[in-house]
PDB file of N, CA and C in Angstrom:
ATOM      1  N   UNK A   1     130.289  61.110 118.507  1.00  0.00           N
ATOM      2  CA  UNK A   1     130.345  61.697 117.598  1.00  0.00           C
ATOM      3  C   UNK A   1     130.740  62.576 116.597  1.00  0.00           C
ATOM      4  N   UNK A   2     130.861  62.233 115.276  1.00  0.00           N
ATOM      5  CA  UNK A   2     131.574  63.146 114.407  1.00  0.00           C
ATOM      6  C   UNK A   2     130.763  64.583 114.358  1.00  0.00           C
ATOM      7  N   UNK A   3     131.224  66.002 114.332  1.00  0.00           N
ATOM      8  CA  UNK A   3     130.711  66.990 114.151  1.00  0.00           C
ATOM      9  C   UNK A   3     131.201  68.173 113.136  1.00  0.00           C
ATOM     10  N   UNK A   4     130.817  69.010 112.279  1.00  0.00           N
ATOM     11  CA  UNK A   4     131.851  69.700 111.493  1.00  0.00           C
ATOM     12  C   UNK A   4     131.114  71.218 111.624  1.00  0.00           C
ATOM     13  N   UNK A   5     131.703  72.553 111.588  1.00  0.00           N
ATOM     14  CA  UNK A   5     131.296  74.192 111.914  1.00  0.00           C
ATOM     15  C   UNK A   5     130.461  74.171 110.677  1.00  0.00           C
ATOM     16  N   UNK A   6     129.349  75.327 110.578  1.00  0.00           N
ATOM     17  CA  UNK A   6     129.004  75.737 109.572  1.00  0.00           C
ATOM     18  C   UNK A   6     129.141  77.125 110.197  1.00  0.00           C
ATOM     19  N   UNK A   7     129.386  78.190 109.238  1.00  0.00           N
ATOM     20  CA  UNK A   7     129.406  79.502 109.393  1.00  0.00           C
ATOM     21  C   UNK A   7     128.308  80.078 108.674  1.00  0.00           C
ATOM     22  N   UNK A   8     127.152  80.690 109.517  1.00  0.00           N
ATOM     23  CA  UNK A   8     126.158  81.676 109.013  1.00  0.00           C
ATOM     24  C   UNK A   8     126.351  83.350 108.831  1.00  0.00           C
ATOM     25  N   UNK A   9     125.790  84.153 108.035  1.00  0.00           N
ATOM     26  CA  UNK A   9     125.736  85.401 108.294  1.00  0.00           C
ATOM     27  C   UNK A   9     123.704  85.843 108.475  1.00  0.00           C
ATOM     28  N   UNK A  10     124.067  86.484 109.520  1.00  0.00           N
ATOM     29  CA  UNK A  10     122.275  86.721 109.999  1.00  0.00           C
ATOM     30  C   UNK A  10     122.511  88.293 110.261  1.00  0.00           C
ATOM     31  N   UNK A  11     121.543  89.364 109.624  1.00  0.00           N
ATOM     32  CA  UNK A  11     121.530  90.258 109.648  1.00  0.00           C
ATOM     33  C   UNK A  11     120.363  91.014 110.852  1.00  0.00           C
ATOM     34  N   UNK A  12     120.763  91.808 111.472  1.00  0.00           N
ATOM     35  CA  UNK A  12     119.590  91.798 112.346  1.00  0.00           C
ATOM     36  C   UNK A  12     119.496  93.241 112.325  1.00  0.00           C
ATOM     37  N   UNK A  13     118.311  93.851 111.824  1.00  0.00           N
ATOM     38  CA  UNK A  13     117.887  95.137 111.724  1.00  0.00           C
ATOM     39  C   UNK A  13     117.566  95.648 113.121  1.00  0.00           C
ATOM     40  N   UNK A  14     117.819  96.719 113.914  1.00  0.00           N
ATOM     41  CA  UNK A  14     117.430  97.258 115.136  1.00  0.00           C
ATOM     42  C   UNK A  14     117.346  99.012 115.363  1.00  0.00           C
ATOM     43  N   UNK A  15     117.005  99.605 116.142  1.00  0.00           N
ATOM     44  CA  UNK A  15     116.884 100.978 116.136  1.00  0.00           C
ATOM     45  C   UNK A  15     118.558 101.419 115.993  1.00  0.00           C
ATOM     46  N   UNK A  16     118.455 102.757 114.996  1.00  0.00           N
ATOM     47  CA  UNK A  16     119.555 103.419 114.997  1.00  0.00           C
ATOM     48  C   UNK A  16     120.360 103.964 116.051  1.00  0.00           C
ATOM     49  N   UNK A  17     119.751 104.159 117.134  1.00  0.00           N
ATOM     50  CA  UNK A  17     120.382 104.598 118.660  1.00  0.00           C
ATOM     51  C   UNK A  17     120.518 103.734 119.246  1.00  0.00           C
ATOM     52  N   UNK A  18     120.761 102.433 119.057  1.00  0.00           N
ATOM     53  CA  UNK A  18     120.877 101.017 119.667  1.00  0.00           C
ATOM     54  C   UNK A  18     122.233 100.402 119.809  1.00  0.00           C
ATOM     55  N   UNK A  19     122.548 100.272 120.841  1.00  0.00           N
ATOM     56  CA  UNK A  19     124.067  99.511 121.031  1.00  0.00           C
ATOM     57  C   UNK A  19     124.481  98.505 120.650  1.00  0.00           C
ATOM     58  N   UNK A  20     124.795  98.356 119.082  1.00  0.00           N
ATOM     59  CA  UNK A  20     124.765  96.847 118.918  1.00  0.00           C
ATOM     60  C   UNK A  20     125.221  95.892 119.817  1.00  0.00           C
ATOM     61  N   UNK A  21     126.617  96.019 120.538  1.00  0.00           N
ATOM     62  CA  UNK A  21     127.171  94.829 121.231  1.00  0.00           C
ATOM     63  C   UNK A  21     126.125  94.319 122.753  1.00  0.00           C
ATOM     64  N   UNK A  22     125.147  95.831 123.548  1.00  0.00           N
ATOM     65  CA  UNK A  22     124.252  95.389 124.460  1.00  0.00           C
ATOM     66  C   UNK A  22     123.244  94.649 123.817  1.00  0.00           C
ATOM     67  N   UNK A  23     122.644  95.391 122.567  1.00  0.00           N
ATOM     68  CA  UNK A  23     121.405  94.544 121.891  1.00  0.00           C
ATOM     69  C   UNK A  23     121.938  92.931 121.771  1.00  0.00           C
ATOM     70  N   UNK A  24     122.933  92.525 121.293  1.00  0.00           N
ATOM     71  CA  UNK A  24     123.353  90.898 121.011  1.00  0.00           C
ATOM     72  C   UNK A  24     123.486  90.516 122.151  1.00  0.00           C
ATOM     73  N   UNK A  25     124.167  90.975 123.065  1.00  0.00           N
ATOM     74  CA  UNK A  25     124.464  90.279 124.295  1.00  0.00           C
ATOM     75  C   UNK A  25     123.397  89.894 125.177  1.00  0.00           C
ATOM     76  N   UNK A  26     121.642  90.792 124.778  1.00  0.00           N
ATOM     77  CA  UNK A  26     120.466  90.513 125.443  1.00  0.00           C
ATOM     78  C   UNK A  26     119.715  89.719 124.570  1.00  0.00           C
ATOM     79  N   UNK A  27     119.767  89.709 123.615  1.00  0.00           N
ATOM     80  CA  UNK A  27     119.048  89.018 122.712  1.00  0.00           C
ATOM     81  C   UNK A  27     118.879  87.486 122.733  1.00  0.00           C
ATOM     82  N   UNK A  28     117.580  86.699 122.724  1.00  0.00           N
ATOM     83  CA  UNK A  28     117.622  85.231 122.337  1.00  0.00           C
ATOM     84  C   UNK A  28     117.679  85.271 120.659  1.00  0.00           C
ATOM     85  N   UNK A  29     118.440  83.967 120.447  1.00  0.00           N
ATOM     86  CA  UNK A  29     118.491  83.139 119.095  1.00  0.00           C
ATOM     87  C   UNK A  29     118.318  81.753 119.532  1.00  0.00           C
ATOM     88  N   UNK A  30     117.462  81.379 118.086  1.00  0.00           N
ATOM     89  CA  UNK A  30     117.215  79.922 118.238  1.00  0.00           C
ATOM     90  C   UNK A  30     117.691  79.349 117.064  1.00  0.00           C
ATOM     91  N   UNK A  31     118.194  78.638 116.703  1.00  0.00           N
ATOM     92  CA  UNK A  31     118.486  77.703 115.766  1.00  0.00           C
ATOM     93  C   UNK A  31     117.861  75.917 116.135  1.00  0.00           C
ATOM     94  N   UNK A  32     116.959  75.935 115.679  1.00  0.00           N
ATOM     95  CA  UNK A  32     116.218  74.561 116.419  1.00  0.00           C
ATOM     96  C   UNK A  32     116.552  73.532 115.573  1.00  0.00           C
ATOM     97  N   UNK A  33     117.099  72.188 115.929  1.00  0.00           N
ATOM     98  CA  UNK A  33     117.183  71.153 115.064  1.00  0.00           C
ATOM     99  C   UNK A  33     118.082  70.031 116.009  1.00  0.00           C
ATOM    100  N   UNK A  34     117.595  69.035 115.621  1.00  0.00           N
ATOM    101  CA  UNK A  34     117.968  67.968 116.455  1.00  0.00           C
ATOM    102  C   UNK A  34     119.630  67.703 116.447  1.00  0.00           C
ATOM    103  N   UNK A  35     120.073  67.988 115.288  1.00  0.00           N
ATOM    104  CA  UNK A  35     121.419  67.921 114.397  1.00  0.00           C
ATOM    105  C   UNK A  35     122.640  68.666 114.960  1.00  0.00           C
ATOM    106  N   UNK A  36     121.953  70.256 115.607  1.00  0.00           N
ATOM    107  CA  UNK A  36     122.680  71.244 116.238  1.00  0.00           C
ATOM    108  C   UNK A  36     123.171  71.076 117.654  1.00  0.00           C
ATOM    109  N   UNK A  37     124.516  71.000 117.876  1.00  0.00           N
ATOM    110  CA  UNK A  37     124.987  70.621 118.997  1.00  0.00           C
ATOM    111  C   UNK A  37     125.219  71.788 119.710  1.00  0.00           C
ATOM    112  N   UNK A  38     125.766  73.156 118.860  1.00  0.00           N
ATOM    113  CA  UNK A  38     125.667  74.233 119.695  1.00  0.00           C
ATOM    114  C   UNK A  38     126.112  75.501 119.051  1.00  0.00           C
ATOM    115  N   UNK A  39     125.278  76.053 119.356  1.00  0.00           N
ATOM    116  CA  UNK A  39     125.381  77.637 118.848  1.00  0.00           C
ATOM    117  C   UNK A  39     126.294  78.649 119.559  1.00  0.00           C
ATOM    118  N   UNK A  40     126.689  79.750 118.838  1.00  0.00           N
ATOM    119  CA  UNK A  40     127.194  81.050 119.679  1.00  0.00           C
ATOM    120  C   UNK A  40     127.822  82.347 118.805  1.00  0.00           C
ATOM    121  N   UNK A  41     127.308  83.086 119.268  1.00  0.00           N
ATOM    122  CA  UNK A  41     127.608  84.649 118.531  1.00  0.00           C
ATOM    123  C   UNK A  41     129.175  84.829 118.431  1.00  0.00           C
ATOM    124  N   UNK A  42     129.840  84.936 117.632  1.00  0.00           N
ATOM    125  CA  UNK A  42     131.173  85.190 117.405  1.00  0.00           C
ATOM    126  C   UNK A  42     131.711  86.327 117.361  1.00  0.00           C
ATOM    127  N   UNK A  43     131.212  87.033 116.460  1.00  0.00           N
ATOM    128  CA  UNK A  43     131.602  88.202 116.088  1.00  0.00           C
ATOM    129  C   UNK A  43     130.166  89.410 115.186  1.00  0.00           C
ATOM    130  N   UNK A  44     130.317  90.402 115.753  1.00  0.00           N
ATOM    131  CA  UNK A  44     129.471  91.470 115.372  1.00  0.00           C
ATOM    132  C   UNK A  44     130.140  92.536 114.614  1.00  0.00           C
ATOM    133  N   UNK A  45     128.995  92.768 113.245  1.00  0.00           N
ATOM    134  CA  UNK A  45     129.445  93.977 112.904  1.00  0.00           C
ATOM    135  C   UNK A  45     128.740  94.793 112.190  1.00  0.00           C
ATOM    136  N   UNK A  46     128.730  96.060 112.231  1.00  0.00           N
ATOM    137  CA  UNK A  46     127.944  97.189 111.947  1.00  0.00           C
ATOM    138  C   UNK A  46     128.046  97.293 110.467  1.00  0.00           C
ATOM    139  N   UNK A  47     126.973  97.770 109.915  1.00  0.00           N
ATOM    140  CA  UNK A  47     126.697  98.097 108.570  1.00  0.00           C
ATOM    141  C   UNK A  47     127.950  99.035 107.829  1.00  0.00           C
ATOM    142  N   UNK A  48     128.382  99.578 108.871  1.00  0.00           N
ATOM    143  CA  UNK A  48     129.359 100.716 108.287  1.00  0.00           C
ATOM    144  C   UNK A  48     130.821  99.627 108.165  1.00  0.00           C
ATOM    145  N   UNK A  49     130.998  98.729 109.172  1.00  0.00           N
ATOM    146  CA  UNK A  49     132.171  97.819 109.359  1.00  0.00           C
ATOM    147  C   UNK A  49     131.862  96.816 108.024  1.00  0.00           C
ATOM    148  N   UNK A  50     130.916  96.148 107.592  1.00  0.00           N
ATOM    149  CA  UNK A  50     130.558  95.604 106.467  1.00  0.00           C
ATOM    150  C   UNK A  50     130.710  96.204 105.233  1.00  0.00           C
ATOM    151  N   UNK A  51     130.410  97.421 105.444  1.00  0.00           N
ATOM    152  CA  UNK A  51     130.394  98.337 104.074  1.00  0.00           C
ATOM    153  C   UNK A  51     132.194  98.706 103.824  1.00  0.00           C
ATOM    154  N   UNK A  52     132.880  98.757 104.832  1.00  0.00           N
ATOM    155  CA  UNK A  52     134.251  98.783 104.909  1.00  0.00           C
ATOM    156  C   UNK A  52     134.799  97.649 104.080  1.00  0.00           C
ATOM    157  N   UNK A  53     134.407  96.948 104.752  1.00  0.00           N
ATOM    158  CA  UNK A  53     134.846  95.758 104.525  1.00  0.00           C
ATOM    159  C   UNK A  53     134.995  95.158 102.633  1.00  0.00           C
ATOM    160  N   UNK A  54     133.675  95.696 102.371  1.00  0.00           N
ATOM    161  CA  UNK A  54     133.057  95.299 100.700  1.00  0.00           C
ATOM    162  C   UNK A  54     134.364  96.496 100.187  1.00  0.00           C
ATOM    163  N   UNK A  55     134.469  97.353 100.659  1.00  0.00           N
ATOM    164  CA  UNK A  55     135.139  98.374  99.728  1.00  0.00           C
ATOM    165  C   UNK A  55     136.872  98.321 100.002  1.00  0.00           C
ATOM    166  N   UNK A  56     137.498  98.043 100.952  1.00  0.00           N
ATOM    167  CA  UNK A  56     138.668  98.012 101.172  1.00  0.00           C
ATOM    168  C   UNK A  56     139.365  96.425 100.896  1.00  0.00           C
ATOM    169  N   UNK A  57     138.491  95.374 101.525  1.00  0.00           N
ATOM    170  CA  UNK A  57     138.846  93.915 101.962  1.00  0.00           C
ATOM    171  C   UNK A  57     138.087  92.877 101.627  1.00  0.00           C
ATOM    172  N   UNK A  58     137.693  92.943 100.580  1.00  0.00           N
ATOM    173  CA  UNK A  58     136.544  92.167 100.203  1.00  0.00           C
ATOM    174  C   UNK A  58     136.409  90.926 100.118  1.00  0.00           C
ATOM    175  N   UNK A  59     138.018  90.141 100.700  1.00  0.00           N
ATOM    176  CA  UNK A  59     138.030  88.871 100.754  1.00  0.00           C
ATOM    177  C   UNK A  59     137.793  88.172 102.116  1.00  0.00           C
ATOM    178  N   UNK A  60     137.994  89.324 103.019  1.00  0.00           N
ATOM    179  CA  UNK A  60     137.772  89.539 104.564  1.00  0.00           C
ATOM    180  C   UNK A  60     136.601  88.641 104.968  1.00  0.00           C
ATOM    181  N   UNK A  61     136.359  87.742 105.356  1.00  0.00           N
ATOM    182  CA  UNK A  61     135.038  87.052 106.275  1.00  0.00           C
ATOM    183  C   UNK A  61     133.781  86.921 104.840  1.00  0.00           C
ATOM    184  N   UNK A  62     134.609  86.946 103.766  1.00  0.00           N
ATOM    185  CA  UNK A  62     133.588  86.830 102.499  1.00  0.00           C
ATOM    186  C   UNK A  62     132.673  87.908 102.238  1.00  0.00           C
ATOM    187  N   UNK A  63     132.723  89.071 103.587  1.00  0.00           N
ATOM    188  CA  UNK A  63     131.800  90.187 103.640  1.00  0.00           C
ATOM    189  C   UNK A  63     131.676  90.859 102.765  1.00  0.00           C
ATOM    190  N   UNK A  64     132.652  91.022 101.477  1.00  0.00           N
ATOM    191  CA  UNK A  64     132.281  91.866 100.543  1.00  0.00           C
ATOM    192  C   UNK A  64     131.133  90.829  99.094  1.00  0.00           C
ATOM    193  N   UNK A  65     131.032  90.019  99.346  1.00  0.00           N
ATOM    194  CA  UNK A  65     130.005  88.938  98.414  1.00  0.00           C
ATOM    195  C   UNK A  65     128.896  88.928  99.077  1.00  0.00           C
ATOM    196  N   UNK A  66     128.459  89.571 100.766  1.00  0.00           N
ATOM    197  CA  UNK A  66     127.734  89.368 101.432  1.00  0.00           C
ATOM    198  C   UNK A  66     126.377  90.516 100.770  1.00  0.00           C
ATOM    199  N   UNK A  67     125.029  89.678 100.856  1.00  0.00           N
ATOM    200  CA  UNK A  67     123.981  90.564 100.209  1.00  0.00           C
ATOM    201  C   UNK A  67     123.609  91.685 101.293  1.00  0.00           C
ATOM    202  N   UNK A  68     124.384  91.220 102.581  1.00  0.00           N
ATOM    203  CA  UNK A  68     123.688  92.973 104.041  1.00  0.00           C
ATOM    204  C   UNK A  68     124.838  93.301 103.798  1.00  0.00           C
ATOM    205  N   UNK A  69     125.843  93.272 102.653  1.00  0.00           N
ATOM    206  CA  UNK A  69     126.885  94.593 102.270  1.00  0.00           C
ATOM    207  C   UNK A  69     125.980  95.494 101.239  1.00  0.00           C
ATOM    208  N   UNK A  70     125.083  95.054 100.628  1.00  0.00           N
ATOM    209  CA  UNK A  70     124.263  95.833  99.483  1.00  0.00           C
ATOM    210  C   UNK A  70     122.858  96.200  99.872  1.00  0.00           C
ATOM    211  N   UNK A  71     122.749  96.103 101.092  1.00  0.00           N
ATOM    212  CA  UNK A  71     121.903  96.646 101.418  1.00  0.00           C
ATOM    213  C   UNK A  71     120.665  95.483 101.586  1.00  0.00           C
ATOM    214  N   UNK A  72     121.135  94.307 101.238  1.00  0.00           N
ATOM    215  CA  UNK A  72     119.671  92.564 101.283  1.00  0.00           C
ATOM    216  C   UNK A  72     119.567  92.633  99.805  1.00  0.00           C
ATOM    217  N   UNK A  73     119.826  93.936  98.687  1.00  0.00           N
ATOM    218  CA  UNK A  73     119.202  93.699  97.615  1.00  0.00           C
ATOM    219  C   UNK A  73     119.910  92.668  96.595  1.00  0.00           C
TER     220      UNK A  73
END
């Protein structure tokens, strides 16, 4: 069967003192559809990193246009 890849941006709000890498590695996430063949978290960006990309490299990963970079506004 022919498949295609779609990339999503998902914002996860967590405790300020939490270790982002540890939280994401330990969490469960579900995208439930018979059409979905596989999912995987490929990268993790902190708010500071997203803001940096927005300010300095707005085209990188498309993060400059992300609503997350504007605080979800």
